[in-house]
Structures are given as structure tokens and as C-alpha cells.
Amino acid sequence: MATSSRRRCLNETNVFCYICGEYTSQHSRKTISDFVKRAYLAYFKVMLVDQDKPCASHIVCKPCVEHLRQ
């Protein structure tokens, strides 16, 4: 029996916020902008990574963006 060696995401990743990990409804989703990347680095002292990988979330929720903005 042949199995596929390609890795795939089991769940849709762009329904979860990259920052808090919570499910994010469609109206609350924001794409990760340059501002979010800079604010994330300034707040957490860690670069926002894995954006080149399809299994990484590419969205953040509006509340997380607002918390970073403040």
C-alpha cells in the first residue's frame, strides 16, 4: 500500500489567529501586515516566522492587532 509522502495541513490554518491561536470569525480576520510584524517583534522580542509555509496561519484577529497597536 503506497502512502503519500507529501505533508499536508489537516486543518484550515487561516481560521486561527497567529498570535493568540483562537478561532477567528471571518469578519474579525486581518492579514498579517508589515505593521503587525513590526509590532509583534517590538512586543514579544521575537520575529513573526514561518509565513512562507502553507501550514502557518497568515491571519490575525482584530483584537490582537488592537492590543499590539496600544
PDB file of N, CA and C in Angstrom:
ATOM      1  N   MET A   1       0.835  -1.160   0.000  1.00  0.00           N
ATOM      2  CA  MET A   1       0.000   0.000   0.000  1.00  0.00           C
ATOM      3  C   MET A   1       0.896   1.245   0.000  1.00  0.00           C
ATOM      4  N   ALA A   2       0.732   2.077  -0.982  1.00  0.00           N
ATOM      5  CA  ALA A   2       1.540   3.293  -1.096  1.00  0.00           C
ATOM      6  C   ALA A   2       0.896   4.411  -0.308  1.00  0.00           C
ATOM      7  N   THR A   3       1.718   5.147   0.403  1.00  0.00           N
ATOM      8  CA  THR A   3       1.221   6.314   1.136  1.00  0.00           C
ATOM      9  C   THR A   3       1.886   7.552   0.570  1.00  0.00           C
ATOM     10  N   SER A   4       1.201   8.609   0.665  1.00  0.00           N
ATOM     11  CA  SER A   4       1.728   9.879   0.162  1.00  0.00           C
ATOM     12  C   SER A   4       2.795  10.405   1.124  1.00  0.00           C
ATOM     13  N   SER A   5       3.929  10.801   0.572  1.00  0.00           N
ATOM     14  CA  SER A   5       4.998  11.345   1.413  1.00  0.00           C
ATOM     15  C   SER A   5       4.885  12.856   1.574  1.00  0.00           C
ATOM     16  N   ARG A   6       3.927  13.464   0.888  1.00  0.00           N
ATOM     17  CA  ARG A   6       3.742  14.907   0.999  1.00  0.00           C
ATOM     18  C   ARG A   6       3.001  15.238   2.282  1.00  0.00           C
ATOM     19  N   ARG A   7       3.504  16.213   2.998  1.00  0.00           N
ATOM     20  CA  ARG A   7       2.832  16.654   4.211  1.00  0.00           C
ATOM     21  C   ARG A   7       1.776  17.678   3.851  1.00  0.00           C
ATOM     22  N   ARG A   8       0.652  17.557   4.500  1.00  0.00           N
ATOM     23  CA  ARG A   8      -0.436  18.493   4.268  1.00  0.00           C
ATOM     24  C   ARG A   8      -1.001  18.927   5.604  1.00  0.00           C
ATOM     25  N   CYS A   9      -1.585  20.088   5.609  1.00  0.00           N
ATOM     26  CA  CYS A   9      -2.261  20.564   6.812  1.00  0.00           C
ATOM     27  C   CYS A   9      -3.545  19.775   6.984  1.00  0.00           C
ATOM     28  N   LEU A  10      -3.804  19.337   8.187  1.00  0.00           N
ATOM     29  CA  LEU A  10      -5.033  18.609   8.453  1.00  0.00           C
ATOM     30  C   LEU A  10      -6.210  19.555   8.641  1.00  0.00           C
ATOM     31  N   ASN A  11      -5.951  20.745   9.146  1.00  0.00           N
ATOM     32  CA  ASN A  11      -6.990  21.740   9.386  1.00  0.00           C
ATOM     33  C   ASN A  11      -6.684  23.004   8.603  1.00  0.00           C
ATOM     34  N   GLU A  12      -7.718  23.759   8.321  1.00  0.00           N
ATOM     35  CA  GLU A  12      -7.544  25.054   7.669  1.00  0.00           C
ATOM     36  C   GLU A  12      -6.833  25.983   8.646  1.00  0.00           C
ATOM     37  N   THR A  13      -5.656  26.448   8.294  1.00  0.00           N
ATOM     38  CA  THR A  13      -4.860  27.255   9.225  1.00  0.00           C
ATOM     39  C   THR A  13      -5.302  28.707   9.291  1.00  0.00           C
ATOM     40  N   ASN A  14      -5.884  29.220   8.245  1.00  0.00           N
ATOM     41  CA  ASN A  14      -6.236  30.638   8.221  1.00  0.00           C
ATOM     42  C   ASN A  14      -7.573  30.942   8.889  1.00  0.00           C
ATOM     43  N   VAL A  15      -8.004  30.084   9.788  1.00  0.00           N
ATOM     44  CA  VAL A  15      -9.160  30.397  10.617  1.00  0.00           C
ATOM     45  C   VAL A  15      -8.722  30.598  12.068  1.00  0.00           C
ATOM     46  N   PHE A  16      -7.416  30.478  12.320  1.00  0.00           N
ATOM     47  CA  PHE A  16      -6.870  30.667  13.652  1.00  0.00           C
ATOM     48  C   PHE A  16      -5.903  31.845  13.646  1.00  0.00           C
ATOM     49  N   CYS A  17      -5.974  32.668  14.674  1.00  0.00           N
ATOM     50  CA  CYS A  17      -5.096  33.826  14.805  1.00  0.00           C
ATOM     51  C   CYS A  17      -3.664  33.353  15.061  1.00  0.00           C
ATOM     52  N   TYR A  18      -2.705  33.918  14.345  1.00  0.00           N
ATOM     53  CA  TYR A  18      -1.297  33.568  14.525  1.00  0.00           C
ATOM     54  C   TYR A  18      -0.821  33.908  15.932  1.00  0.00           C
ATOM     55  N   ILE A  19      -1.347  34.961  16.532  1.00  0.00           N
ATOM     56  CA  ILE A  19      -0.863  35.441  17.822  1.00  0.00           C
ATOM     57  C   ILE A  19      -1.496  34.691  18.992  1.00  0.00           C
ATOM     58  N   CYS A  20      -2.819  34.661  19.060  1.00  0.00           N
ATOM     59  CA  CYS A  20      -3.474  34.043  20.217  1.00  0.00           C
ATOM     60  C   CYS A  20      -3.873  32.592  19.974  1.00  0.00           C
ATOM     61  N   GLY A  21      -3.944  32.188  18.712  1.00  0.00           N
ATOM     62  CA  GLY A  21      -4.287  30.808  18.386  1.00  0.00           C
ATOM     63  C   GLY A  21      -5.762  30.489  18.434  1.00  0.00           C
ATOM     64  N   GLU A  22      -6.588  31.478  18.730  1.00  0.00           N
ATOM     65  CA  GLU A  22      -8.028  31.270  18.830  1.00  0.00           C
ATOM     66  C   GLU A  22      -8.669  31.248  17.443  1.00  0.00           C
ATOM     67  N   TYR A  23      -9.806  30.521  17.347  1.00  0.00           N
ATOM     68  CA  TYR A  23     -10.602  30.552  16.121  1.00  0.00           C
ATOM     69  C   TYR A  23     -11.042  31.992  15.895  1.00  0.00           C
ATOM     70  N   THR A  24     -10.959  32.433  14.659  1.00  0.00           N
ATOM     71  CA  THR A  24     -11.301  33.811  14.321  1.00  0.00           C
ATOM     72  C   THR A  24     -12.389  33.811  13.262  1.00  0.00           C
ATOM     73  N   SER A  25     -13.518  34.435  13.570  1.00  0.00           N
ATOM     74  CA  SER A  25     -14.603  34.501  12.598  1.00  0.00           C
ATOM     75  C   SER A  25     -14.177  35.350  11.404  1.00  0.00           C
ATOM     76  N   GLN A  26     -14.831  35.138  10.305  1.00  0.00           N
ATOM     77  CA  GLN A  26     -14.444  35.797   9.053  1.00  0.00           C
ATOM     78  C   GLN A  26     -14.414  37.318   9.173  1.00  0.00           C
ATOM     79  N   HIS A  27     -15.365  37.913   9.872  1.00  0.00           N
ATOM     80  CA  HIS A  27     -15.411  39.381   9.964  1.00  0.00           C
ATOM     81  C   HIS A  27     -14.329  39.943  10.890  1.00  0.00           C
ATOM     82  N   SER A  28     -13.679  39.076  11.671  1.00  0.00           N
ATOM     83  CA  SER A  28     -12.650  39.536  12.609  1.00  0.00           C
ATOM     84  C   SER A  28     -11.227  39.241  12.129  1.00  0.00           C
ATOM     85  N   ARG A  29     -11.084  38.684  10.938  1.00  0.00           N
ATOM     86  CA  ARG A  29      -9.761  38.313  10.414  1.00  0.00           C
ATOM     87  C   ARG A  29      -9.079  39.483   9.716  1.00  0.00           C
ATOM     88  N   LYS A  30      -7.781  39.606   9.966  1.00  0.00           N
ATOM     89  CA  LYS A  30      -6.945  40.598   9.290  1.00  0.00           C
ATOM     90  C   LYS A  30      -5.713  39.862   8.774  1.00  0.00           C
ATOM     91  N   THR A  31      -5.233  40.236   7.613  1.00  0.00           N
ATOM     92  CA  THR A  31      -3.999  39.637   7.124  1.00  0.00           C
ATOM     93  C   THR A  31      -2.820  40.217   7.898  1.00  0.00           C
ATOM     94  N   ILE A  32      -1.754  39.463   7.955  1.00  0.00           N
ATOM     95  CA  ILE A  32      -0.572  39.907   8.683  1.00  0.00           C
ATOM     96  C   ILE A  32       0.138  40.965   7.843  1.00  0.00           C
ATOM     97  N   SER A  33       0.121  42.189   8.326  1.00  0.00           N
ATOM     98  CA  SER A  33       0.725  43.318   7.607  1.00  0.00           C
ATOM     99  C   SER A  33       2.129  43.580   8.142  1.00  0.00           C
ATOM    100  N   ASP A  34       2.829  44.496   7.486  1.00  0.00           N
ATOM    101  CA  ASP A  34       4.154  44.900   7.970  1.00  0.00           C
ATOM    102  C   ASP A  34       4.065  45.508   9.366  1.00  0.00           C
ATOM    103  N   PHE A  35       2.988  46.264   9.623  1.00  0.00           N
ATOM    104  CA  PHE A  35       2.793  46.830  10.958  1.00  0.00           C
ATOM    105  C   PHE A  35       2.708  45.731  12.012  1.00  0.00           C
ATOM    106  N   VAL A  36       1.929  44.696  11.731  1.00  0.00           N
ATOM    107  CA  VAL A  36       1.771  43.597  12.685  1.00  0.00           C
ATOM    108  C   VAL A  36       3.113  42.916  12.920  1.00  0.00           C
ATOM    109  N   LYS A  37       3.889  42.712  11.867  1.00  0.00           N
ATOM    110  CA  LYS A  37       5.211  42.080  12.013  1.00  0.00           C
ATOM    111  C   LYS A  37       6.129  42.927  12.894  1.00  0.00           C
ATOM    112  N   ARG A  38       6.146  44.245  12.681  1.00  0.00           N
ATOM    113  CA  ARG A  38       6.992  45.130  13.485  1.00  0.00           C
ATOM    114  C   ARG A  38       6.516  45.194  14.932  1.00  0.00           C
ATOM    115  N   ALA A  39       5.206  45.302  15.126  1.00  0.00           N
ATOM    116  CA  ALA A  39       4.653  45.379  16.481  1.00  0.00           C
ATOM    117  C   ALA A  39       4.866  44.063  17.230  1.00  0.00           C
ATOM    118  N   TYR A  40       4.722  42.952  16.549  1.00  0.00           N
ATOM    119  CA  TYR A  40       4.951  41.641  17.155  1.00  0.00           C
ATOM    120  C   TYR A  40       6.394  41.533  17.627  1.00  0.00           C
ATOM    121  N   LEU A  41       7.325  41.963  16.800  1.00  0.00           N
ATOM    122  CA  LEU A  41       8.736  41.939  17.164  1.00  0.00           C
ATOM    123  C   LEU A  41       9.010  42.866  18.357  1.00  0.00           C
ATOM    124  N   ALA A  42       8.439  44.056  18.340  1.00  0.00           N
ATOM    125  CA  ALA A  42       8.662  45.007  19.429  1.00  0.00           C
ATOM    126  C   ALA A  42       8.064  44.511  20.749  1.00  0.00           C
ATOM    127  N   TYR A  43       6.901  43.893  20.689  1.00  0.00           N
ATOM    128  CA  TYR A  43       6.222  43.463  21.908  1.00  0.00           C
ATOM    129  C   TYR A  43       6.797  42.157  22.456  1.00  0.00           C
ATOM    130  N   PHE A  44       6.958  41.150  21.585  1.00  0.00           N
ATOM    131  CA  PHE A  44       7.389  39.825  22.034  1.00  0.00           C
ATOM    132  C   PHE A  44       8.894  39.596  21.929  1.00  0.00           C
ATOM    133  N   LYS A  45       9.600  40.511  21.237  1.00  0.00           N
ATOM    134  CA  LYS A  45      11.049  40.370  21.011  1.00  0.00           C
ATOM    135  C   LYS A  45      11.379  39.092  20.218  1.00  0.00           C
ATOM    136  N   VAL A  46      10.442  38.700  19.366  1.00  0.00           N
ATOM    137  CA  VAL A  46      10.596  37.518  18.523  1.00  0.00           C
ATOM    138  C   VAL A  46      10.037  37.866  17.154  1.00  0.00           C
ATOM    139  N   MET A  47      10.735  37.453  16.114  1.00  0.00           N
ATOM    140  CA  MET A  47      10.241  37.708  14.763  1.00  0.00           C
ATOM    141  C   MET A  47       9.074  36.782  14.444  1.00  0.00           C
ATOM    142  N   LEU A  48       8.110  37.288  13.722  1.00  0.00           N
ATOM    143  CA  LEU A  48       6.987  36.510  13.257  1.00  0.00           C
ATOM    144  C   LEU A  48       7.503  35.665  12.095  1.00  0.00           C
ATOM    145  N   VAL A  49       7.511  34.363  12.253  1.00  0.00           N
ATOM    146  CA  VAL A  49       8.165  33.477  11.287  1.00  0.00           C
ATOM    147  C   VAL A  49       7.186  32.514  10.633  1.00  0.00           C
ATOM    148  N   ASP A  50       7.722  31.722   9.727  1.00  0.00           N
ATOM    149  CA  ASP A  50       7.000  30.664   9.016  1.00  0.00           C
ATOM    150  C   ASP A  50       5.933  31.180   8.058  1.00  0.00           C
ATOM    151  N   GLN A  51       5.984  32.431   7.679  1.00  0.00           N
ATOM    152  CA  GLN A  51       4.984  32.957   6.765  1.00  0.00           C
ATOM    153  C   GLN A  51       5.146  32.414   5.350  1.00  0.00           C
ATOM    154  N   ASP A  52       6.268  31.754   5.080  1.00  0.00           N
ATOM    155  CA  ASP A  52       6.476  31.147   3.771  1.00  0.00           C
ATOM    156  C   ASP A  52       5.930  29.727   3.709  1.00  0.00           C
ATOM    157  N   LYS A  53       5.463  29.207   4.839  1.00  0.00           N
ATOM    158  CA  LYS A  53       4.953  27.838   4.904  1.00  0.00           C
ATOM    159  C   LYS A  53       3.429  27.838   4.828  1.00  0.00           C
ATOM    160  N   PRO A  54       2.863  26.942   4.023  1.00  0.00           N
ATOM    161  CA  PRO A  54       1.407  26.928   3.874  1.00  0.00           C
ATOM    162  C   PRO A  54       0.665  26.512   5.144  1.00  0.00           C
ATOM    163  N   CYS A  55       1.309  25.796   6.046  1.00  0.00           N
ATOM    164  CA  CYS A  55       0.627  25.356   7.273  1.00  0.00           C
ATOM    165  C   CYS A  55       0.667  26.401   8.375  1.00  0.00           C
ATOM    166  N   ALA A  56       1.311  27.518   8.137  1.00  0.00           N
ATOM    167  CA  ALA A  56       1.319  28.600   9.130  1.00  0.00           C
ATOM    168  C   ALA A  56       0.100  29.482   8.891  1.00  0.00           C
ATOM    169  N   SER A  57      -0.438  30.009   9.970  1.00  0.00           N
ATOM    170  CA  SER A  57      -1.556  30.926   9.840  1.00  0.00           C
ATOM    171  C   SER A  57      -1.053  32.239   9.240  1.00  0.00           C
ATOM    172  N   HIS A  58      -1.824  32.800   8.347  1.00  0.00           N
ATOM    173  CA  HIS A  58      -1.466  34.059   7.706  1.00  0.00           C
ATOM    174  C   HIS A  58      -2.432  35.173   8.088  1.00  0.00           C
ATOM    175  N   ILE A  59      -3.172  34.943   9.172  1.00  0.00           N
ATOM    176  CA  ILE A  59      -4.119  35.953   9.635  1.00  0.00           C
ATOM    177  C   ILE A  59      -3.953  36.184  11.131  1.00  0.00           C
ATOM    178  N   VAL A  60      -4.436  37.324  11.565  1.00  0.00           N
ATOM    179  CA  VAL A  60      -4.517  37.658  12.985  1.00  0.00           C
ATOM    180  C   VAL A  60      -5.925  38.189  13.235  1.00  0.00           C
ATOM    181  N   CYS A  61      -6.349  38.141  14.479  1.00  0.00           N
ATOM    182  CA  CYS A  61      -7.682  38.665  14.799  1.00  0.00           C
ATOM    183  C   CYS A  61      -7.581  40.156  15.109  1.00  0.00           C
ATOM    184  N   LYS A  62      -8.670  40.846  14.908  1.00  0.00           N
ATOM    185  CA  LYS A  62      -8.703  42.290  15.160  1.00  0.00           C
ATOM    186  C   LYS A  62      -8.331  42.637  16.598  1.00  0.00           C
ATOM    187  N   PRO A  63      -8.813  41.886  17.618  1.00  0.00           N
ATOM    188  CA  PRO A  63      -8.405  42.232  18.990  1.00  0.00           C
ATOM    189  C   PRO A  63      -6.896  42.164  19.203  1.00  0.00           C
ATOM    190  N   CYS A  64      -6.221  41.182  18.614  1.00  0.00           N
ATOM    191  CA  CYS A  64      -4.764  41.098  18.768  1.00  0.00           C
ATOM    192  C   CYS A  64      -4.066  42.273  18.097  1.00  0.00           C
ATOM    193  N   VAL A  65      -4.556  42.700  16.937  1.00  0.00           N
ATOM    194  CA  VAL A  65      -3.971  43.851  16.257  1.00  0.00           C
ATOM    195  C   VAL A  65      -4.143  45.088  17.119  1.00  0.00           C
ATOM    196  N   GLU A  66      -5.318  45.249  17.712  1.00  0.00           N
ATOM    197  CA  GLU A  66      -5.572  46.413  18.562  1.00  0.00           C
ATOM    198  C   GLU A  66      -4.695  46.385  19.818  1.00  0.00           C
ATOM    199  N   HIS A  67      -4.490  45.218  20.394  1.00  0.00           N
ATOM    200  CA  HIS A  67      -3.627  45.128  21.577  1.00  0.00           C
ATOM    201  C   HIS A  67      -2.185  45.474  21.212  1.00  0.00           C
ATOM    202  N   LEU A  68      -1.731  45.025  20.052  1.00  0.00           N
ATOM    203  CA  LEU A  68      -0.376  45.381  19.615  1.00  0.00           C
ATOM    204  C   LEU A  68      -0.266  46.878  19.336  1.00  0.00           C
ATOM    205  N   ARG A  69      -1.322  47.451  18.788  1.00  0.00           N
ATOM    206  CA  ARG A  69      -1.317  48.879  18.462  1.00  0.00           C
ATOM    207  C   ARG A  69      -1.198  49.718  19.718  1.00  0.00           C
ATOM    208  N   GLN A  70      -1.768  49.266  20.813  1.00  0.00           N
ATOM    209  CA  GLN A  70      -1.736  50.022  22.064  1.00  0.00           C
ATOM    210  C   GLN A  70      -0.439  49.804  22.769  1.00  0.00           C
TER     211      GLN A  70
END
